[in-house]
Amino acid sequence: MRVYQHLVVACALLAMGCGGSSSAPTAPTMAVIPACQTNNTATAYFQNRSSSNLTYDIIWDGTRLASVSPGQDSAVFTFAAGVPHSLAFRLTNTSSNACSPSTPTLAQCSNMFYSCTG
């Protein structure tokens, strides 16, 4: 009987000594990589700060993106980062530039704005 009592005591001590949680360890969380890093992109929008109350067409890489009324901002657009682009603010429905054309290069994950006061 004495061996049985020692066995019961040993089991009880083992059960008490095994404190802590019985749940499985959690897996490490993965870092979320922003889409702009994965896709090497940036965003930009355009502001019309016309001092003569004129509407501008935004020409980006040779394509008309939007027309922007005086005092307004365009929508936000996503572009490739790290490469030069061409930008022109033109008087709406003309080939006349309201401001000097430029060649911006967007930094990855940046959010830039460009404006013209023409």
PDB file of N, CA and C in Angstrom:
ATOM      1  N   MET A   1       0.809  -1.182   0.000  1.00  0.00           N
ATOM      2  CA  MET A   1       0.000   0.000   0.000  1.00  0.00           C
ATOM      3  C   MET A   1       0.859   1.254   0.000  1.00  0.00           C
ATOM      4  N   ARG A   2       1.978   1.172   0.618  1.00  0.00           N
ATOM      5  CA  ARG A   2       2.863   2.318   0.728  1.00  0.00           C
ATOM      6  C   ARG A   2       3.335   2.765  -0.651  1.00  0.00           C
ATOM      7  N   VAL A   3       3.654   1.879  -1.560  1.00  0.00           N
ATOM      8  CA  VAL A   3       4.068   2.222  -2.915  1.00  0.00           C
ATOM      9  C   VAL A   3       2.924   2.946  -3.623  1.00  0.00           C
ATOM     10  N   TYR A   4       1.733   2.479  -3.394  1.00  0.00           N
ATOM     11  CA  TYR A   4       0.566   3.103  -4.003  1.00  0.00           C
ATOM     12  C   TYR A   4       0.430   4.548  -3.521  1.00  0.00           C
ATOM     13  N   GLN A   5       0.641   4.808  -2.211  1.00  0.00           N
ATOM     14  CA  GLN A   5       0.540   6.155  -1.669  1.00  0.00           C
ATOM     15  C   GLN A   5       1.617   7.061  -2.264  1.00  0.00           C
ATOM     16  N   HIS A   6       2.818   6.557  -2.436  1.00  0.00           N
ATOM     17  CA  HIS A   6       3.900   7.335  -3.040  1.00  0.00           C
ATOM     18  C   HIS A   6       3.571   7.674  -4.497  1.00  0.00           C
ATOM     19  N   LEU A   7       2.988   6.719  -5.166  1.00  0.00           N
ATOM     20  CA  LEU A   7       2.605   6.925  -6.558  1.00  0.00           C
ATOM     21  C   LEU A   7       1.538   8.008  -6.672  1.00  0.00           C
ATOM     22  N   VAL A   8       0.561   7.989  -5.790  1.00  0.00           N
ATOM     23  CA  VAL A   8      -0.501   9.001  -5.787  1.00  0.00           C
ATOM     24  C   VAL A   8       0.094  10.373  -5.487  1.00  0.00           C
ATOM     25  N   VAL A   9       0.999  10.445  -4.500  1.00  0.00           N
ATOM     26  CA  VAL A   9       1.636  11.713  -4.143  1.00  0.00           C
ATOM     27  C   VAL A   9       2.484  12.215  -5.302  1.00  0.00           C
ATOM     28  N   ALA A  10       3.220  11.326  -5.938  1.00  0.00           N
ATOM     29  CA  ALA A  10       4.061  11.714  -7.070  1.00  0.00           C
ATOM     30  C   ALA A  10       3.211  12.239  -8.224  1.00  0.00           C
ATOM     31  N   CYS A  11       2.135  11.594  -8.496  1.00  0.00           N
ATOM     32  CA  CYS A  11       1.237  12.052  -9.577  1.00  0.00           C
ATOM     33  C   CYS A  11       0.645  13.415  -9.238  1.00  0.00           C
ATOM     34  N   ALA A  12       0.277  13.599  -7.981  1.00  0.00           N
ATOM     35  CA  ALA A  12      -0.291  14.880  -7.559  1.00  0.00           C
ATOM     36  C   ALA A  12       0.749  15.985  -7.685  1.00  0.00           C
ATOM     37  N   LEU A  13       1.988  15.698  -7.288  1.00  0.00           N
ATOM     38  CA  LEU A  13       3.048  16.697  -7.396  1.00  0.00           C
ATOM     39  C   LEU A  13       3.344  17.022  -8.861  1.00  0.00           C
ATOM     40  N   LEU A  14       3.358  16.012  -9.682  1.00  0.00           N
ATOM     41  CA  LEU A  14       3.588  16.244 -11.111  1.00  0.00           C
ATOM     42  C   LEU A  14       2.481  17.106 -11.714  1.00  0.00           C
ATOM     43  N   ALA A  15       1.280  16.850 -11.336  1.00  0.00           N
ATOM     44  CA  ALA A  15       0.151  17.617 -11.858  1.00  0.00           C
ATOM     45  C   ALA A  15       0.237  19.068 -11.404  1.00  0.00           C
ATOM     46  N   MET A  16       0.670  19.298 -10.157  1.00  0.00           N
ATOM     47  CA  MET A  16       0.785  20.661  -9.660  1.00  0.00           C
ATOM     48  C   MET A  16       1.989  21.370 -10.282  1.00  0.00           C
ATOM     49  N   GLY A  17       3.023  20.650 -10.547  1.00  0.00           N
ATOM     50  CA  GLY A  17       4.239  21.239 -11.093  1.00  0.00           C
ATOM     51  C   GLY A  17       4.135  21.552 -12.578  1.00  0.00           C
ATOM     52  N   CYS A  18       3.130  21.087 -13.201  1.00  0.00           N
ATOM     53  CA  CYS A  18       2.970  21.323 -14.642  1.00  0.00           C
ATOM     54  C   CYS A  18       2.002  22.462 -14.869  1.00  0.00           C
ATOM     55  N   GLY A  19       2.211  23.550 -14.170  1.00  0.00           N
ATOM     56  CA  GLY A  19       1.329  24.696 -14.335  1.00  0.00           C
ATOM     57  C   GLY A  19       1.492  25.327 -15.698  1.00  0.00           C
ATOM     58  N   GLY A  20       0.683  26.321 -15.982  1.00  0.00           N
ATOM     59  CA  GLY A  20       0.760  27.026 -17.257  1.00  0.00           C
ATOM     60  C   GLY A  20      -0.402  26.661 -18.146  1.00  0.00           C
ATOM     61  N   SER A  21      -0.341  27.147 -19.293  1.00  0.00           N
ATOM     62  CA  SER A  21      -1.437  26.974 -20.236  1.00  0.00           C
ATOM     63  C   SER A  21      -1.253  25.704 -21.041  1.00  0.00           C
ATOM     64  N   SER A  22      -2.359  25.094 -21.340  1.00  0.00           N
ATOM     65  CA  SER A  22      -2.293  23.890 -22.165  1.00  0.00           C
ATOM     66  C   SER A  22      -2.546  24.217 -23.632  1.00  0.00           C
ATOM     67  N   SER A  23      -2.699  25.498 -23.958  1.00  0.00           N
ATOM     68  CA  SER A  23      -2.968  25.854 -25.348  1.00  0.00           C
ATOM     69  C   SER A  23      -1.679  25.759 -26.167  1.00  0.00           C
ATOM     70  N   ALA A  24      -1.866  25.537 -27.449  1.00  0.00           N
ATOM     71  CA  ALA A  24      -0.724  25.405 -28.354  1.00  0.00           C
ATOM     72  C   ALA A  24      -0.058  26.759 -28.551  1.00  0.00           C
ATOM     73  N   PRO A  25       1.242  26.786 -28.800  1.00  0.00           N
ATOM     74  CA  PRO A  25       1.921  28.062 -29.036  1.00  0.00           C
ATOM     75  C   PRO A  25       1.368  28.717 -30.310  1.00  0.00           C
ATOM     76  N   THR A  26       1.344  30.034 -30.296  1.00  0.00           N
ATOM     77  CA  THR A  26       0.831  30.749 -31.467  1.00  0.00           C
ATOM     78  C   THR A  26       1.940  30.938 -32.489  1.00  0.00           C
ATOM     79  N   ALA A  27       1.542  30.922 -33.737  1.00  0.00           N
ATOM     80  CA  ALA A  27       2.500  31.144 -34.821  1.00  0.00           C
ATOM     81  C   ALA A  27       2.874  32.612 -34.863  1.00  0.00           C
ATOM     82  N   PRO A  28       4.102  32.934 -35.222  1.00  0.00           N
ATOM     83  CA  PRO A  28       4.481  34.353 -35.329  1.00  0.00           C
ATOM     84  C   PRO A  28       3.653  35.028 -36.422  1.00  0.00           C
ATOM     85  N   THR A  29       3.313  36.284 -36.186  1.00  0.00           N
ATOM     86  CA  THR A  29       2.531  37.016 -37.177  1.00  0.00           C
ATOM     87  C   THR A  29       3.445  37.501 -38.303  1.00  0.00           C
ATOM     88  N   MET A  30       2.925  37.462 -39.502  1.00  0.00           N
ATOM     89  CA  MET A  30       3.683  37.916 -40.671  1.00  0.00           C
ATOM     90  C   MET A  30       3.505  39.420 -40.811  1.00  0.00           C
ATOM     91  N   ALA A  31       4.557  40.103 -41.152  1.00  0.00           N
ATOM     92  CA  ALA A  31       4.482  41.539 -41.380  1.00  0.00           C
ATOM     93  C   ALA A  31       3.670  41.790 -42.653  1.00  0.00           C
ATOM     94  N   VAL A  32       2.780  42.756 -42.579  1.00  0.00           N
ATOM     95  CA  VAL A  32       1.979  43.103 -43.743  1.00  0.00           C
ATOM     96  C   VAL A  32       2.786  44.070 -44.603  1.00  0.00           C
ATOM     97  N   ILE A  33       2.997  43.709 -45.841  1.00  0.00           N
ATOM     98  CA  ILE A  33       3.746  44.553 -46.762  1.00  0.00           C
ATOM     99  C   ILE A  33       2.752  45.404 -47.545  1.00  0.00           C
ATOM    100  N   PRO A  34       2.880  46.728 -47.485  1.00  0.00           N
ATOM    101  CA  PRO A  34       1.945  47.591 -48.218  1.00  0.00           C
ATOM    102  C   PRO A  34       1.984  47.306 -49.718  1.00  0.00           C
ATOM    103  N   ALA A  35       0.827  47.434 -50.353  1.00  0.00           N
ATOM    104  CA  ALA A  35       0.727  47.185 -51.797  1.00  0.00           C
ATOM    105  C   ALA A  35       1.672  48.086 -52.581  1.00  0.00           C
ATOM    106  N   CYS A  36       1.900  49.316 -52.098  1.00  0.00           N
ATOM    107  CA  CYS A  36       2.781  50.226 -52.834  1.00  0.00           C
ATOM    108  C   CYS A  36       4.218  49.714 -52.859  1.00  0.00           C
ATOM    109  N   GLN A  37       4.627  48.967 -51.839  1.00  0.00           N
ATOM    110  CA  GLN A  37       5.967  48.365 -51.849  1.00  0.00           C
ATOM    111  C   GLN A  37       6.005  47.161 -52.778  1.00  0.00           C
ATOM    112  N   THR A  38       4.989  46.332 -52.683  1.00  0.00           N
ATOM    113  CA  THR A  38       4.923  45.146 -53.533  1.00  0.00           C
ATOM    114  C   THR A  38       4.875  45.527 -55.010  1.00  0.00           C
ATOM    115  N   ASN A  39       4.083  46.558 -55.328  1.00  0.00           N
ATOM    116  CA  ASN A  39       3.863  46.946 -56.721  1.00  0.00           C
ATOM    117  C   ASN A  39       4.743  48.101 -57.193  1.00  0.00           C
ATOM    118  N   ASN A  40       5.585  48.644 -56.299  1.00  0.00           N
ATOM    119  CA  ASN A  40       6.445  49.791 -56.612  1.00  0.00           C
ATOM    120  C   ASN A  40       5.632  50.948 -57.203  1.00  0.00           C
ATOM    121  N   THR A  41       4.662  51.414 -56.420  1.00  0.00           N
ATOM    122  CA  THR A  41       3.786  52.492 -56.871  1.00  0.00           C
ATOM    123  C   THR A  41       3.783  53.650 -55.879  1.00  0.00           C
ATOM    124  N   ALA A  42       3.161  54.729 -56.319  1.00  0.00           N
ATOM    125  CA  ALA A  42       2.944  55.915 -55.497  1.00  0.00           C
ATOM    126  C   ALA A  42       1.620  56.523 -55.949  1.00  0.00           C
ATOM    127  N   THR A  43       1.128  57.485 -55.189  1.00  0.00           N
ATOM    128  CA  THR A  43      -0.105  58.162 -55.585  1.00  0.00           C
ATOM    129  C   THR A  43       0.162  59.655 -55.769  1.00  0.00           C
ATOM    130  N   ALA A  44      -0.690  60.262 -56.572  1.00  0.00           N
ATOM    131  CA  ALA A  44      -0.588  61.704 -56.810  1.00  0.00           C
ATOM    132  C   ALA A  44      -1.970  62.258 -57.117  1.00  0.00           C
ATOM    133  N   TYR A  45      -2.139  63.524 -56.800  1.00  0.00           N
ATOM    134  CA  TYR A  45      -3.347  64.239 -57.185  1.00  0.00           C
ATOM    135  C   TYR A  45      -2.934  65.637 -57.635  1.00  0.00           C
ATOM    136  N   PHE A  46      -3.869  66.339 -58.248  1.00  0.00           N
ATOM    137  CA  PHE A  46      -3.542  67.586 -58.936  1.00  0.00           C
ATOM    138  C   PHE A  46      -4.479  68.693 -58.476  1.00  0.00           C
ATOM    139  N   GLN A  47      -3.911  69.871 -58.251  1.00  0.00           N
ATOM    140  CA  GLN A  47      -4.666  71.011 -57.744  1.00  0.00           C
ATOM    141  C   GLN A  47      -4.699  72.130 -58.783  1.00  0.00           C
ATOM    142  N   ASN A  48      -5.865  72.702 -58.960  1.00  0.00           N
ATOM    143  CA  ASN A  48      -6.005  73.866 -59.824  1.00  0.00           C
ATOM    144  C   ASN A  48      -6.056  75.094 -58.924  1.00  0.00           C
ATOM    145  N   ARG A  49      -5.008  75.871 -58.955  1.00  0.00           N
ATOM    146  CA  ARG A  49      -4.918  77.109 -58.169  1.00  0.00           C
ATOM    147  C   ARG A  49      -4.905  78.312 -59.113  1.00  0.00           C
ATOM    148  N   SER A  50      -5.712  78.229 -60.149  1.00  0.00           N
ATOM    149  CA  SER A  50      -5.778  79.264 -61.182  1.00  0.00           C
ATOM    150  C   SER A  50      -6.107  80.628 -60.591  1.00  0.00           C
ATOM    151  N   SER A  51      -5.305  81.606 -60.978  1.00  0.00           N
ATOM    152  CA  SER A  51      -5.582  82.973 -60.552  1.00  0.00           C
ATOM    153  C   SER A  51      -6.507  83.677 -61.551  1.00  0.00           C
ATOM    154  N   SER A  52      -6.779  83.017 -62.666  1.00  0.00           N
ATOM    155  CA  SER A  52      -7.638  83.629 -63.691  1.00  0.00           C
ATOM    156  C   SER A  52      -8.922  82.837 -63.924  1.00  0.00           C
ATOM    157  N   ASN A  53      -9.302  81.998 -62.951  1.00  0.00           N
ATOM    158  CA  ASN A  53     -10.565  81.277 -62.989  1.00  0.00           C
ATOM    159  C   ASN A  53     -10.707  80.352 -64.201  1.00  0.00           C
ATOM    160  N   LEU A  54      -9.622  79.647 -64.568  1.00  0.00           N
ATOM    161  CA  LEU A  54      -9.630  78.759 -65.730  1.00  0.00           C
ATOM    162  C   LEU A  54      -9.604  77.296 -65.288  1.00  0.00           C
ATOM    163  N   THR A  55     -10.244  76.448 -66.078  1.00  0.00           N
ATOM    164  CA  THR A  55     -10.235  75.005 -65.830  1.00  0.00           C
ATOM    165  C   THR A  55      -9.048  74.391 -66.557  1.00  0.00           C
ATOM    166  N   TYR A  56      -8.395  73.423 -65.896  1.00  0.00           N
ATOM    167  CA  TYR A  56      -7.205  72.786 -66.465  1.00  0.00           C
ATOM    168  C   TYR A  56      -7.474  71.316 -66.777  1.00  0.00           C
ATOM    169  N   ASP A  57      -6.907  70.859 -67.872  1.00  0.00           N
ATOM    170  CA  ASP A  57      -6.816  69.433 -68.160  1.00  0.00           C
ATOM    171  C   ASP A  57      -5.474  68.967 -67.623  1.00  0.00           C
ATOM    172  N   ILE A  58      -5.460  67.840 -66.960  1.00  0.00           N
ATOM    173  CA  ILE A  58      -4.229  67.263 -66.437  1.00  0.00           C
ATOM    174  C   ILE A  58      -3.761  66.213 -67.443  1.00  0.00           C
ATOM    175  N   ILE A  59      -2.589  66.432 -68.006  1.00  0.00           N
ATOM    176  CA  ILE A  59      -2.019  65.513 -68.993  1.00  0.00           C
ATOM    177  C   ILE A  59      -0.836  64.805 -68.338  1.00  0.00           C
ATOM    178  N   TRP A  60      -0.967  63.499 -68.135  1.00  0.00           N
ATOM    179  CA  TRP A  60       0.067  62.688 -67.476  1.00  0.00           C
ATOM    180  C   TRP A  60       0.525  61.616 -68.458  1.00  0.00           C
ATOM    181  N   ASP A  61       1.803  61.622 -68.756  1.00  0.00           N
ATOM    182  CA  ASP A  61       2.377  60.661 -69.706  1.00  0.00           C
ATOM    183  C   ASP A  61       1.601  60.648 -71.026  1.00  0.00           C
ATOM    184  N   GLY A  62       1.182  61.854 -71.458  1.00  0.00           N
ATOM    185  CA  GLY A  62       0.511  62.000 -72.740  1.00  0.00           C
ATOM    186  C   GLY A  62      -0.968  61.695 -72.745  1.00  0.00           C
ATOM    187  N   THR A  63      -1.528  61.333 -71.611  1.00  0.00           N
ATOM    188  CA  THR A  63      -2.949  60.990 -71.522  1.00  0.00           C
ATOM    189  C   THR A  63      -3.674  61.980 -70.626  1.00  0.00           C
ATOM    190  N   ARG A  64      -4.831  62.427 -71.071  1.00  0.00           N
ATOM    191  CA  ARG A  64      -5.643  63.332 -70.248  1.00  0.00           C
ATOM    192  C   ARG A  64      -6.277  62.526 -69.119  1.00  0.00           C
ATOM    193  N   LEU A  65      -5.901  62.862 -67.888  1.00  0.00           N
ATOM    194  CA  LEU A  65      -6.434  62.159 -66.720  1.00  0.00           C
ATOM    195  C   LEU A  65      -7.733  62.757 -66.221  1.00  0.00           C
ATOM    196  N   ALA A  66      -7.794  64.071 -66.206  1.00  0.00           N
ATOM    197  CA  ALA A  66      -8.932  64.744 -65.584  1.00  0.00           C
ATOM    198  C   ALA A  66      -8.966  66.202 -65.997  1.00  0.00           C
ATOM    199  N   SER A  67     -10.107  66.808 -65.785  1.00  0.00           N
ATOM    200  CA  SER A  67     -10.246  68.262 -65.856  1.00  0.00           C
ATOM    201  C   SER A  67     -10.511  68.730 -64.431  1.00  0.00           C
ATOM    202  N   VAL A  68      -9.809  69.788 -64.038  1.00  0.00           N
ATOM    203  CA  VAL A  68      -9.932  70.276 -62.667  1.00  0.00           C
ATOM    204  C   VAL A  68     -10.350  71.738 -62.693  1.00  0.00           C
ATOM    205  N   SER A  69     -11.453  72.025 -62.030  1.00  0.00           N
ATOM    206  CA  SER A  69     -11.983  73.393 -61.949  1.00  0.00           C
ATOM    207  C   SER A  69     -11.147  74.236 -60.992  1.00  0.00           C
ATOM    208  N   PRO A  70     -11.218  75.564 -61.122  1.00  0.00           N
ATOM    209  CA  PRO A  70     -10.464  76.448 -60.228  1.00  0.00           C
ATOM    210  C   PRO A  70     -10.769  76.150 -58.753  1.00  0.00           C
ATOM    211  N   GLY A  71      -9.708  76.088 -57.960  1.00  0.00           N
ATOM    212  CA  GLY A  71      -9.860  75.858 -56.526  1.00  0.00           C
ATOM    213  C   GLY A  71     -10.144  74.414 -56.148  1.00  0.00           C
ATOM    214  N   GLN A  72     -10.144  73.502 -57.106  1.00  0.00           N
ATOM    215  CA  GLN A  72     -10.481  72.108 -56.841  1.00  0.00           C
ATOM    216  C   GLN A  72      -9.243  71.208 -56.928  1.00  0.00           C
ATOM    217  N   ASP A  73      -9.392  70.000 -56.387  1.00  0.00           N
ATOM    218  CA  ASP A  73      -8.372  68.958 -56.486  1.00  0.00           C
ATOM    219  C   ASP A  73      -8.936  67.817 -57.319  1.00  0.00           C
ATOM    220  N   SER A  74      -8.058  67.124 -58.004  1.00  0.00           N
ATOM    221  CA  SER A  74      -8.478  65.937 -58.757  1.00  0.00           C
ATOM    222  C   SER A  74      -8.645  64.753 -57.812  1.00  0.00           C
ATOM    223  N   ALA A  75      -9.081  63.655 -58.366  1.00  0.00           N
ATOM    224  CA  ALA A  75      -9.058  62.388 -57.637  1.00  0.00           C
ATOM    225  C   ALA A  75      -7.593  62.000 -57.415  1.00  0.00           C
ATOM    226  N   VAL A  76      -7.373  61.003 -56.603  1.00  0.00           N
ATOM    227  CA  VAL A  76      -6.028  60.477 -56.359  1.00  0.00           C
ATOM    228  C   VAL A  76      -5.787  59.339 -57.348  1.00  0.00           C
ATOM    229  N   PHE A  77      -4.625  59.375 -57.996  1.00  0.00           N
ATOM    230  CA  PHE A  77      -4.257  58.373 -58.996  1.00  0.00           C
ATOM    231  C   PHE A  77      -3.028  57.609 -58.526  1.00  0.00           C
ATOM    232  N   THR A  78      -2.927  56.354 -58.948  1.00  0.00           N
ATOM    233  CA  THR A  78      -1.766  55.512 -58.625  1.00  0.00           C
ATOM    234  C   THR A  78      -0.890  55.379 -59.865  1.00  0.00           C
ATOM    235  N   PHE A  79       0.414  55.585 -59.679  1.00  0.00           N
ATOM    236  CA  PHE A  79       1.375  55.543 -60.788  1.00  0.00           C
ATOM    237  C   PHE A  79       2.589  54.704 -60.397  1.00  0.00           C
ATOM    238  N   ALA A  80       3.350  54.298 -61.403  1.00  0.00           N
ATOM    239  CA  ALA A  80       4.623  53.610 -61.161  1.00  0.00           C
ATOM    240  C   ALA A  80       5.574  54.572 -60.448  1.00  0.00           C
ATOM    241  N   ALA A  81       6.299  54.040 -59.483  1.00  0.00           N
ATOM    242  CA  ALA A  81       7.285  54.839 -58.751  1.00  0.00           C
ATOM    243  C   ALA A  81       8.672  54.624 -59.340  1.00  0.00           C
ATOM    244  N   GLY A  82       9.541  55.624 -59.127  1.00  0.00           N
ATOM    245  CA  GLY A  82      10.942  55.491 -59.495  1.00  0.00           C
ATOM    246  C   GLY A  82      11.262  55.688 -60.961  1.00  0.00           C
ATOM    247  N   VAL A  83      10.293  56.119 -61.737  1.00  0.00           N
ATOM    248  CA  VAL A  83      10.529  56.381 -63.163  1.00  0.00           C
ATOM    249  C   VAL A  83      10.001  57.779 -63.488  1.00  0.00           C
ATOM    250  N   PRO A  84      10.636  58.488 -64.425  1.00  0.00           N
ATOM    251  CA  PRO A  84      10.139  59.825 -64.771  1.00  0.00           C
ATOM    252  C   PRO A  84       8.827  59.745 -65.553  1.00  0.00           C
ATOM    253  N   HIS A  85       7.952  60.670 -65.242  1.00  0.00           N
ATOM    254  CA  HIS A  85       6.672  60.810 -65.929  1.00  0.00           C
ATOM    255  C   HIS A  85       6.632  62.207 -66.554  1.00  0.00           C
ATOM    256  N   SER A  86       5.703  62.428 -67.445  1.00  0.00           N
ATOM    257  CA  SER A  86       5.515  63.782 -67.973  1.00  0.00           C
ATOM    258  C   SER A  86       4.195  64.325 -67.451  1.00  0.00           C
ATOM    259  N   LEU A  87       4.207  65.606 -67.085  1.00  0.00           N
ATOM    260  CA  LEU A  87       3.028  66.272 -66.535  1.00  0.00           C
ATOM    261  C   LEU A  87       2.851  67.622 -67.199  1.00  0.00           C
ATOM    262  N   ALA A  88       1.627  67.882 -67.650  1.00  0.00           N
ATOM    263  CA  ALA A  88       1.287  69.199 -68.189  1.00  0.00           C
ATOM    264  C   ALA A  88      -0.095  69.596 -67.691  1.00  0.00           C
ATOM    265  N   PHE A  89      -0.221  70.853 -67.290  1.00  0.00           N
ATOM    266  CA  PHE A  89      -1.508  71.458 -66.987  1.00  0.00           C
ATOM    267  C   PHE A  89      -1.871  72.273 -68.222  1.00  0.00           C
ATOM    268  N   ARG A  90      -2.942  71.907 -68.876  1.00  0.00           N
ATOM    269  CA  ARG A  90      -3.357  72.624 -70.086  1.00  0.00           C
ATOM    270  C   ARG A  90      -4.704  73.293 -69.864  1.00  0.00           C
ATOM    271  N   LEU A  91      -4.878  74.418 -70.548  1.00  0.00           N
ATOM    272  CA  LEU A  91      -6.194  75.040 -70.529  1.00  0.00           C
ATOM    273  C   LEU A  91      -7.154  74.047 -71.179  1.00  0.00           C
ATOM    274  N   THR A  92      -8.280  73.796 -70.532  1.00  0.00           N
ATOM    275  CA  THR A  92      -9.211  72.758 -70.980  1.00  0.00           C
ATOM    276  C   THR A  92      -9.553  72.897 -72.450  1.00  0.00           C
ATOM    277  N   ASN A  93      -9.493  71.750 -73.129  1.00  0.00           N
ATOM    278  CA  ASN A  93      -9.836  71.615 -74.554  1.00  0.00           C
ATOM    279  C   ASN A  93      -8.962  72.453 -75.476  1.00  0.00           C
ATOM    280  N   THR A  94      -7.715  72.724 -75.053  1.00  0.00           N
ATOM    281  CA  THR A  94      -6.774  73.432 -75.924  1.00  0.00           C
ATOM    282  C   THR A  94      -5.435  72.694 -75.872  1.00  0.00           C
ATOM    283  N   SER A  95      -4.494  73.173 -76.632  1.00  0.00           N
ATOM    284  CA  SER A  95      -3.138  72.635 -76.552  1.00  0.00           C
ATOM    285  C   SER A  95      -2.208  73.632 -75.860  1.00  0.00           C
ATOM    286  N   SER A  96      -2.774  74.637 -75.210  1.00  0.00           N
ATOM    287  CA  SER A  96      -1.995  75.672 -74.515  1.00  0.00           C
ATOM    288  C   SER A  96      -1.731  75.277 -73.068  1.00  0.00           C
ATOM    289  N   ASN A  97      -0.455  75.261 -72.702  1.00  0.00           N
ATOM    290  CA  ASN A  97      -0.086  74.950 -71.322  1.00  0.00           C
ATOM    291  C   ASN A  97      -0.393  76.121 -70.411  1.00  0.00           C
ATOM    292  N   ALA A  98      -0.966  75.809 -69.245  1.00  0.00           N
ATOM    293  CA  ALA A  98      -1.234  76.833 -68.241  1.00  0.00           C
ATOM    294  C   ALA A  98       0.012  77.081 -67.388  1.00  0.00           C
ATOM    295  N   CYS A  99       0.839  76.077 -67.254  1.00  0.00           N
ATOM    296  CA  CYS A  99       2.102  76.144 -66.515  1.00  0.00           C
ATOM    297  C   CYS A  99       3.145  75.372 -67.305  1.00  0.00           C
ATOM    298  N   SER A 100       4.395  75.538 -66.938  1.00  0.00           N
ATOM    299  CA  SER A 100       5.468  74.816 -67.627  1.00  0.00           C
ATOM    300  C   SER A 100       5.341  73.312 -67.373  1.00  0.00           C
ATOM    301  N   PRO A 101       5.481  72.502 -68.415  1.00  0.00           N
ATOM    302  CA  PRO A 101       5.456  71.046 -68.220  1.00  0.00           C
ATOM    303  C   PRO A 101       6.614  70.610 -67.321  1.00  0.00           C
ATOM    304  N   SER A 102       6.448  69.463 -66.687  1.00  0.00           N
ATOM    305  CA  SER A 102       7.487  68.940 -65.795  1.00  0.00           C
ATOM    306  C   SER A 102       7.612  67.428 -65.983  1.00  0.00           C
ATOM    307  N   THR A 103       8.659  66.868 -65.369  1.00  0.00           N
ATOM    308  CA  THR A 103       8.897  65.420 -65.447  1.00  0.00           C
ATOM    309  C   THR A 103       9.115  64.865 -64.032  1.00  0.00           C
ATOM    310  N   PRO A 104       8.038  64.732 -63.258  1.00  0.00           N
ATOM    311  CA  PRO A 104       8.192  64.235 -61.890  1.00  0.00           C
ATOM    312  C   PRO A 104       8.529  62.745 -61.847  1.00  0.00           C
ATOM    313  N   THR A 105       9.328  62.374 -60.849  1.00  0.00           N
ATOM    314  CA  THR A 105       9.617  60.980 -60.530  1.00  0.00           C
ATOM    315  C   THR A 105       9.117  60.751 -59.113  1.00  0.00           C
ATOM    316  N   LEU A 106       8.152  59.883 -58.966  1.00  0.00           N
ATOM    317  CA  LEU A 106       7.528  59.646 -57.670  1.00  0.00           C
ATOM    318  C   LEU A 106       8.323  58.632 -56.858  1.00  0.00           C
ATOM    319  N   ALA A 107       8.505  58.928 -55.596  1.00  0.00           N
ATOM    320  CA  ALA A 107       9.161  57.979 -54.687  1.00  0.00           C
ATOM    321  C   ALA A 107       8.153  56.903 -54.291  1.00  0.00           C
ATOM    322  N   GLN A 108       8.651  55.692 -54.120  1.00  0.00           N
ATOM    323  CA  GLN A 108       7.795  54.570 -53.754  1.00  0.00           C
ATOM    324  C   GLN A 108       6.982  54.891 -52.501  1.00  0.00           C
ATOM    325  N   CYS A 109       5.704  54.614 -52.561  1.00  0.00           N
ATOM    326  CA  CYS A 109       4.739  54.779 -51.466  1.00  0.00           C
ATOM    327  C   CYS A 109       4.471  56.237 -51.087  1.00  0.00           C
ATOM    328  N   SER A 110       4.936  57.184 -51.895  1.00  0.00           N
ATOM    329  CA  SER A 110       4.666  58.593 -51.591  1.00  0.00           C
ATOM    330  C   SER A 110       3.258  58.968 -52.052  1.00  0.00           C
ATOM    331  N   ASN A 111       2.762  60.064 -51.509  1.00  0.00           N
ATOM    332  CA  ASN A 111       1.496  60.653 -51.944  1.00  0.00           C
ATOM    333  C   ASN A 111       1.794  62.122 -52.229  1.00  0.00           C
ATOM    334  N   MET A 112       1.884  62.462 -53.497  1.00  0.00           N
ATOM    335  CA  MET A 112       2.297  63.803 -53.908  1.00  0.00           C
ATOM    336  C   MET A 112       1.107  64.581 -54.464  1.00  0.00           C
ATOM    337  N   PHE A 113       1.243  65.900 -54.455  1.00  0.00           N
ATOM    338  CA  PHE A 113       0.284  66.718 -55.183  1.00  0.00           C
ATOM    339  C   PHE A 113       1.065  67.680 -56.060  1.00  0.00           C
ATOM    340  N   TYR A 114       0.470  68.039 -57.172  1.00  0.00           N
ATOM    341  CA  TYR A 114       1.053  68.986 -58.109  1.00  0.00           C
ATOM    342  C   TYR A 114      -0.014  70.040 -58.380  1.00  0.00           C
ATOM    343  N   SER A 115       0.427  71.295 -58.473  1.00  0.00           N
ATOM    344  CA  SER A 115      -0.538  72.375 -58.666  1.00  0.00           C
ATOM    345  C   SER A 115      -0.041  73.352 -59.726  1.00  0.00           C
ATOM    346  N   CYS A 116      -0.989  74.110 -60.214  1.00  0.00           N
ATOM    347  CA  CYS A 116      -0.704  75.132 -61.220  1.00  0.00           C
ATOM    348  C   CYS A 116      -1.514  76.363 -60.867  1.00  0.00           C
ATOM    349  N   THR A 117      -0.873  77.520 -60.931  1.00  0.00           N
ATOM    350  CA  THR A 117      -1.566  78.778 -60.620  1.00  0.00           C
ATOM    351  C   THR A 117      -1.793  79.615 -61.869  1.00  0.00           C
ATOM    352  N   GLY A 118      -1.297  79.129 -63.049  1.00  0.00           N
ATOM    353  CA  GLY A 118      -1.389  79.806 -64.325  1.00  0.00           C
ATOM    354  C   GLY A 118      -2.418  80.809 -64.400  1.00  0.00           C
TER     355      GLY A 118
END
